[in-house]
C-alpha atoms as a PDB file:
ATOM      1  CA  UNK A   1       0.083   0.185   0.015  1.00  0.00           C
ATOM      2  CA  UNK A   2       1.434   3.326  -0.806  1.00  0.00           C
ATOM      3  CA  UNK A   3       0.963   6.276   2.002  1.00  0.00           C
ATOM      4  CA  UNK A   4      -0.309   9.241   0.331  1.00  0.00           C
ATOM      5  CA  UNK A   5      -1.520  12.301   2.023  1.00  0.00           C
ATOM      6  CA  UNK A   6      -4.986  11.997   2.898  1.00  0.00           C
ATOM      7  CA  UNK A   7      -5.621  14.808   5.091  1.00  0.00           C
ATOM      8  CA  UNK A   8      -4.304  18.301   6.483  1.00  0.00           C
ATOM      9  CA  UNK A   9      -5.182  20.881   9.493  1.00  0.00           C
ATOM     10  CA  UNK A  10      -4.529  24.095  10.388  1.00  0.00           C
ATOM     11  CA  UNK A  11      -4.574  24.244  14.102  1.00  0.00           C
ATOM     12  CA  UNK A  12      -4.876  28.620  14.515  1.00  0.00           C
ATOM     13  CA  UNK A  13      -5.010  30.847  17.162  1.00  0.00           C
ATOM     14  CA  UNK A  14      -8.630  32.480  16.088  1.00  0.00           C
ATOM     15  CA  UNK A  15     -10.936  29.741  14.123  1.00  0.00           C
ATOM     16  CA  UNK A  16     -13.058  32.853  12.899  1.00  0.00           C
ATOM     17  CA  UNK A  17     -10.169  34.883  11.935  1.00  0.00           C
ATOM     18  CA  UNK A  18      -8.297  32.212   9.998  1.00  0.00           C
ATOM     19  CA  UNK A  19     -11.249  31.415   7.902  1.00  0.00           C
ATOM     20  CA  UNK A  20     -11.761  34.898   7.039  1.00  0.00           C
ATOM     21  CA  UNK A  21      -7.845  34.913   6.003  1.00  0.00           C
ATOM     22  CA  UNK A  22      -8.295  31.574   4.123  1.00  0.00           C
ATOM     23  CA  UNK A  23     -11.796  32.188   2.290  1.00  0.00           C
ATOM     24  CA  UNK A  24     -10.155  35.438   0.915  1.00  0.00           C
ATOM     25  CA  UNK A  25      -6.925  33.907  -0.097  1.00  0.00           C
ATOM     26  CA  UNK A  26      -7.958  30.537  -1.360  1.00  0.00           C
ATOM     27  CA  UNK A  27     -11.564  30.753  -2.062  1.00  0.00           C
ATOM     28  CA  UNK A  28     -11.855  28.032   0.292  1.00  0.00           C
ATOM     29  CA  UNK A  29     -15.061  27.059   2.025  1.00  0.00           C
ATOM     30  CA  UNK A  30     -15.951  26.359   5.820  1.00  0.00           C
ATOM     31  CA  UNK A  31     -18.263  23.376   7.215  1.00  0.00           C
ATOM     32  CA  UNK A  32     -18.261  23.719  11.183  1.00  0.00           C
ATOM     33  CA  UNK A  33     -21.784  21.541  11.424  1.00  0.00           C
ATOM     34  CA  UNK A  34     -19.803  18.301  11.391  1.00  0.00           C
ATOM     35  CA  UNK A  35     -17.423  17.972  14.956  1.00  0.00           C
ATOM     36  CA  UNK A  36     -18.067  20.367  17.966  1.00  0.00           C
ATOM     37  CA  UNK A  37     -14.666  22.683  17.705  1.00  0.00           C
ATOM     38  CA  UNK A  38     -13.658  21.209  14.279  1.00  0.00           C
ATOM     39  CA  UNK A  39     -14.160  22.898  10.978  1.00  0.00           C
ATOM     40  CA  UNK A  40     -13.823  20.738   7.600  1.00  0.00           C
ATOM     41  CA  UNK A  41     -12.191  23.077   4.935  1.00  0.00           C
ATOM     42  CA  UNK A  42     -13.752  21.981   1.357  1.00  0.00           C
ATOM     43  CA  UNK A  43     -10.718  23.262  -1.133  1.00  0.00           C
ATOM     44  CA  UNK A  44     -12.418  21.918  -4.153  1.00  0.00           C
ATOM     45  CA  UNK A  45     -10.445  18.942  -4.610  1.00  0.00           C
ATOM     46  CA  UNK A  46      -8.527  16.001  -2.427  1.00  0.00           C
ATOM     47  CA  UNK A  47      -7.311  15.704   0.276  1.00  0.00           C
ATOM     48  CA  UNK A  48      -9.613  17.062   2.778  1.00  0.00           C
ATOM     49  CA  UNK A  49      -8.707  19.783   5.269  1.00  0.00           C
ATOM     50  CA  UNK A  50      -9.489  21.054   8.840  1.00  0.00           C
ATOM     51  CA  UNK A  51      -9.214  23.379  11.322  1.00  0.00           C
ATOM     52  CA  UNK A  52      -9.560  23.762  15.157  1.00  0.00           C
ATOM     53  CA  UNK A  53      -8.198  26.300  17.590  1.00  0.00           C
ATOM     54  CA  UNK A  54      -4.707  25.361  18.872  1.00  0.00           C
ATOM     55  CA  UNK A  55      -5.274  23.644  21.954  1.00  0.00           C
ATOM     56  CA  UNK A  56      -3.532  25.365  25.555  1.00  0.00           C
ATOM     57  CA  UNK A  57      -0.980  22.113  25.729  1.00  0.00           C
ATOM     58  CA  UNK A  58       0.185  22.512  21.955  1.00  0.00           C
ATOM     59  CA  UNK A  59       3.227  24.407  21.892  1.00  0.00           C
ATOM     60  CA  UNK A  60       2.450  26.473  18.522  1.00  0.00           C
ATOM     61  CA  UNK A  61       0.210  27.101  16.044  1.00  0.00           C
ATOM     62  CA  UNK A  62       0.971  25.079  12.800  1.00  0.00           C
ATOM     63  CA  UNK A  63      -0.182  23.053   9.658  1.00  0.00           C
ATOM     64  CA  UNK A  64      -0.454  19.132  10.355  1.00  0.00           C
ATOM     65  CA  UNK A  65      -0.707  16.557   7.561  1.00  0.00           C
ATOM     66  CA  UNK A  66      -1.685  12.728   7.915  1.00  0.00           C
ATOM     67  CA  UNK A  67      -0.780   9.937   5.682  1.00  0.00           C
ATOM     68  CA  UNK A  68      -3.072   7.105   5.449  1.00  0.00           C
ATOM     69  CA  UNK A  69      -1.650   3.742   6.476  1.00  0.00           C
ATOM     70  CA  UNK A  70      -3.116  -0.024   6.720  1.00  0.00           C
ATOM     71  CA  UNK A  71      -2.110  -0.377  10.740  1.00  0.00           C
ATOM     72  CA  UNK A  72      -1.531   2.251  13.162  1.00  0.00           C
ATOM     73  CA  UNK A  73      -0.099  -0.528  15.388  1.00  0.00           C
ATOM     74  CA  UNK A  74       2.067  -1.485  12.948  1.00  0.00           C
ATOM     75  CA  UNK A  75       3.412   2.467  11.730  1.00  0.00           C
ATOM     76  CA  UNK A  76       3.715   3.376  15.404  1.00  0.00           C
ATOM     77  CA  UNK A  77       5.822   0.449  16.128  1.00  0.00           C
ATOM     78  CA  UNK A  78       7.958   1.013  13.385  1.00  0.00           C
ATOM     79  CA  UNK A  79       8.125   4.843  14.331  1.00  0.00           C
ATOM     80  CA  UNK A  80       9.240   4.082  17.516  1.00  0.00           C
ATOM     81  CA  UNK A  81      11.583   1.398  16.577  1.00  0.00           C
ATOM     82  CA  UNK A  82      13.305   4.517  14.549  1.00  0.00           C
ATOM     83  CA  UNK A  83      13.444   6.254  17.485  1.00  0.00           C
ATOM     84  CA  UNK A  84      10.361   8.563  17.044  1.00  0.00           C
ATOM     85  CA  UNK A  85       8.309   9.935  19.889  1.00  0.00           C
ATOM     86  CA  UNK A  86       4.634   9.150  19.718  1.00  0.00           C
ATOM     87  CA  UNK A  87       3.004  12.441  21.048  1.00  0.00           C
ATOM     88  CA  UNK A  88      -0.616  11.207  20.074  1.00  0.00           C
ATOM     89  CA  UNK A  89      -1.402   7.271  20.618  1.00  0.00           C
ATOM     90  CA  UNK A  90      -4.299   6.030  18.236  1.00  0.00           C
ATOM     91  CA  UNK A  91      -7.645   8.050  19.044  1.00  0.00           C
ATOM     92  CA  UNK A  92     -10.467   6.791  17.431  1.00  0.00           C
ATOM     93  CA  UNK A  93     -12.618   9.422  15.318  1.00  0.00           C
ATOM     94  CA  UNK A  94     -15.675   7.694  15.900  1.00  0.00           C
ATOM     95  CA  UNK A  95     -17.314   5.825  12.647  1.00  0.00           C
ATOM     96  CA  UNK A  96     -14.184   7.184  10.222  1.00  0.00           C
ATOM     97  CA  UNK A  97     -11.158   5.610  11.707  1.00  0.00           C
ATOM     98  CA  UNK A  98      -8.184   6.279  13.572  1.00  0.00           C
ATOM     99  CA  UNK A  99      -5.127   8.716  13.921  1.00  0.00           C
ATOM    100  CA  UNK A 100      -1.806   9.317  15.747  1.00  0.00           C
ATOM    101  CA  UNK A 101       0.782  11.486  15.422  1.00  0.00           C
ATOM    102  CA  UNK A 102       4.817  10.890  16.194  1.00  0.00           C
ATOM    103  CA  UNK A 103       7.681  12.807  15.595  1.00  0.00           C
ATOM    104  CA  UNK A 104      10.420  12.569  12.842  1.00  0.00           C
ATOM    105  CA  UNK A 105      13.939  12.872  14.035  1.00  0.00           C
ATOM    106  CA  UNK A 106      14.288  16.718  13.300  1.00  0.00           C
ATOM    107  CA  UNK A 107      10.528  16.559  15.863  1.00  0.00           C
ATOM    108  CA  UNK A 108       8.311  17.274  12.832  1.00  0.00           C
ATOM    109  CA  UNK A 109       4.887  16.012  13.724  1.00  0.00           C
ATOM    110  CA  UNK A 110       4.110  13.436  11.340  1.00  0.00           C
ATOM    111  CA  UNK A 111       0.350  12.209  11.397  1.00  0.00           C
ATOM    112  CA  UNK A 112      -1.247   8.844  10.555  1.00  0.00           C
ATOM    113  CA  UNK A 113      -4.513   7.639   9.555  1.00  0.00           C
ATOM    114  CA  UNK A 114      -6.161   4.268   9.605  1.00  0.00           C
ATOM    115  CA  UNK A 115     -10.027   4.414   7.948  1.00  0.00           C
ATOM    116  CA  UNK A 116     -12.533   2.586   9.341  1.00  0.00           C
ATOM    117  CA  UNK A 117     -13.698   0.890   5.915  1.00  0.00           C
ATOM    118  CA  UNK A 118     -10.583  -0.241   3.973  1.00  0.00           C
ATOM    119  CA  UNK A 119     -11.212   0.525   0.244  1.00  0.00           C
END
């Protein structure tokens, strides 16, 4: 299986301000109705995007990316063997799948996603 980019998200200080900015710059549309505290970003093509307010425990605002994997457990095991630090363990997105985040050797966060239904 390839591990393509499947989702990206912005963690911002002010969601409404960011929506106004990205809406003006890229003509993106936003959907706040699906999950409380999370905004889906409609860019007009894949992969999809999302936006959320930066949690207080997060070190900084930023752009995150998620790569599609067959197994979160196997991928986290490989990442750990390669000396990655797991910063968010396998977490369920009800009805959609699971995600996790680890850091690469430079401390860059890398998100992974496993779908509930395999294609």
